[in-house]
């Protein structure tokens, strides 16, 4: 149950961090990339049964 909640929250963080406004074009993929790395780590932990 907790793993599912964390997964949903991290997906929302990744989508929310995408640079969509004109002033954030210079940011690159850093904000969403960091959330993506966290999402991948959580998925791996869920698949191995550690969360």
N, C-alpha and C. Protein backbone atom coordinates (compact mmCIF):
# COMPACT_ATOMS: atom_id res chain seq x y z
N UNK A 1 0.83 -1.19 0.00
CA UNK A 1 0.00 0.00 0.00
C UNK A 1 0.87 1.26 0.00
N UNK A 2 1.86 1.29 0.86
CA UNK A 2 2.74 2.46 0.95
C UNK A 2 3.54 2.62 -0.33
N UNK A 3 3.96 1.53 -0.92
CA UNK A 3 4.72 1.59 -2.16
C UNK A 3 3.90 2.18 -3.30
N UNK A 4 2.62 1.84 -3.36
CA UNK A 4 1.75 2.39 -4.40
C UNK A 4 1.56 3.89 -4.23
N UNK A 5 1.40 4.33 -3.01
CA UNK A 5 1.25 5.76 -2.74
C UNK A 5 2.52 6.50 -3.13
N UNK A 6 3.67 5.96 -2.78
CA UNK A 6 4.93 6.59 -3.15
C UNK A 6 5.11 6.64 -4.65
N UNK A 7 4.73 5.59 -5.33
CA UNK A 7 4.84 5.54 -6.79
C UNK A 7 3.98 6.62 -7.44
N UNK A 8 2.76 6.77 -6.99
CA UNK A 8 1.87 7.78 -7.54
C UNK A 8 2.41 9.18 -7.26
N UNK A 9 2.90 9.41 -6.06
CA UNK A 9 3.46 10.73 -5.73
C UNK A 9 4.68 11.05 -6.59
N UNK A 10 5.55 10.09 -6.81
CA UNK A 10 6.72 10.35 -7.63
C UNK A 10 6.37 10.58 -9.09
N UNK A 11 5.36 9.90 -9.59
CA UNK A 11 4.92 10.17 -10.96
C UNK A 11 4.39 11.59 -11.08
N UNK A 12 3.64 12.04 -10.10
CA UNK A 12 3.14 13.41 -10.11
C UNK A 12 4.28 14.43 -10.02
N UNK A 13 5.32 14.11 -9.25
CA UNK A 13 6.47 15.01 -9.15
C UNK A 13 7.19 15.11 -10.48
N UNK A 14 7.36 13.99 -11.17
CA UNK A 14 8.05 14.00 -12.47
C UNK A 14 7.25 14.80 -13.49
N UNK A 15 5.95 14.59 -13.53
CA UNK A 15 5.11 15.32 -14.49
C UNK A 15 5.07 16.80 -14.14
N UNK A 16 5.00 17.11 -12.87
CA UNK A 16 4.95 18.51 -12.44
C UNK A 16 6.25 19.26 -12.64
N UNK A 17 7.35 18.56 -12.75
CA UNK A 17 8.65 19.21 -12.88
C UNK A 17 9.08 19.41 -14.33
N UNK A 18 8.26 18.98 -15.29
CA UNK A 18 8.62 19.17 -16.69
C UNK A 18 8.67 20.66 -17.03
N UNK A 19 9.72 21.09 -17.73
CA UNK A 19 9.84 22.52 -18.06
C UNK A 19 8.90 22.89 -19.20
N UNK A 20 7.73 23.43 -18.88
CA UNK A 20 6.73 23.76 -19.90
C UNK A 20 6.56 25.26 -20.10
N UNK A 21 7.06 26.08 -19.20
CA UNK A 21 6.89 27.52 -19.33
C UNK A 21 8.08 28.11 -20.07
N UNK A 22 7.89 29.23 -20.76
CA UNK A 22 8.99 29.81 -21.55
C UNK A 22 10.24 30.14 -20.73
N UNK A 23 10.07 30.61 -19.51
CA UNK A 23 11.24 30.98 -18.71
C UNK A 23 12.01 29.77 -18.19
N UNK A 24 11.41 28.58 -18.25
CA UNK A 24 12.10 27.40 -17.73
C UNK A 24 12.76 26.57 -18.84
N UNK A 25 12.81 27.09 -20.05
CA UNK A 25 13.45 26.34 -21.14
C UNK A 25 14.94 26.13 -20.88
N UNK A 26 15.58 27.05 -20.21
CA UNK A 26 17.01 26.94 -19.93
C UNK A 26 17.34 25.93 -18.84
N UNK A 27 16.36 25.44 -18.14
CA UNK A 27 16.62 24.50 -17.06
C UNK A 27 17.02 23.13 -17.57
N UNK A 28 16.62 22.80 -18.78
CA UNK A 28 16.91 21.47 -19.31
C UNK A 28 16.05 20.42 -18.62
N UNK A 29 16.61 19.23 -18.49
CA UNK A 29 15.85 18.13 -17.89
C UNK A 29 16.21 17.92 -16.42
N UNK A 30 16.91 18.85 -15.81
CA UNK A 30 17.34 18.64 -14.42
C UNK A 30 16.17 18.42 -13.46
N UNK A 31 15.14 19.27 -13.43
CA UNK A 31 14.06 19.04 -12.44
C UNK A 31 13.34 17.71 -12.63
N UNK A 32 12.97 17.39 -13.86
CA UNK A 32 12.25 16.14 -14.07
C UNK A 32 13.21 14.95 -14.06
N UNK A 33 14.47 15.17 -14.38
CA UNK A 33 15.45 14.09 -14.36
C UNK A 33 15.69 13.58 -12.96
N UNK A 34 15.74 14.48 -12.00
CA UNK A 34 15.94 14.09 -10.61
C UNK A 34 14.73 13.29 -10.10
N UNK A 35 13.55 13.75 -10.45
CA UNK A 35 12.35 12.99 -10.07
C UNK A 35 12.29 11.65 -10.76
N UNK A 36 12.76 11.60 -12.01
CA UNK A 36 12.78 10.35 -12.75
C UNK A 36 13.71 9.32 -12.14
N UNK A 37 14.86 9.79 -11.67
CA UNK A 37 15.80 8.89 -11.00
C UNK A 37 15.17 8.32 -9.73
N UNK A 38 14.51 9.17 -8.99
CA UNK A 38 13.83 8.69 -7.78
C UNK A 38 12.74 7.67 -8.13
N UNK A 39 12.03 7.94 -9.23
CA UNK A 39 10.98 7.02 -9.65
C UNK A 39 11.55 5.67 -10.05
N UNK A 40 12.65 5.65 -10.76
CA UNK A 40 13.29 4.40 -11.17
C UNK A 40 13.77 3.62 -9.95
N UNK A 41 14.38 4.31 -8.99
CA UNK A 41 14.85 3.65 -7.78
C UNK A 41 13.67 3.03 -7.02
N UNK A 42 12.57 3.76 -6.92
CA UNK A 42 11.40 3.24 -6.21
C UNK A 42 10.83 2.02 -6.92
N UNK A 43 10.77 2.06 -8.25
CA UNK A 43 10.25 0.91 -9.00
C UNK A 43 11.13 -0.31 -8.78
N UNK A 44 12.45 -0.12 -8.80
CA UNK A 44 13.36 -1.24 -8.56
C UNK A 44 13.17 -1.79 -7.16
N UNK A 45 13.03 -0.92 -6.18
CA UNK A 45 12.80 -1.37 -4.80
C UNK A 45 11.48 -2.12 -4.67
N UNK A 46 10.45 -1.65 -5.37
CA UNK A 46 9.15 -2.34 -5.33
C UNK A 46 9.24 -3.72 -5.97
N UNK A 47 9.97 -3.81 -7.08
CA UNK A 47 10.09 -5.09 -7.77
C UNK A 47 10.92 -6.10 -6.97
N UNK A 48 11.88 -5.62 -6.21
CA UNK A 48 12.68 -6.53 -5.40
C UNK A 48 12.05 -6.82 -4.04
N UNK A 49 10.96 -6.11 -3.72
CA UNK A 49 10.23 -6.38 -2.48
C UNK A 49 10.84 -5.73 -1.25
N UNK A 50 11.61 -4.68 -1.42
CA UNK A 50 12.23 -4.03 -0.26
C UNK A 50 11.43 -2.88 0.30
N UNK A 51 10.35 -2.51 -0.36
CA UNK A 51 9.48 -1.42 0.15
C UNK A 51 8.13 -1.99 0.42
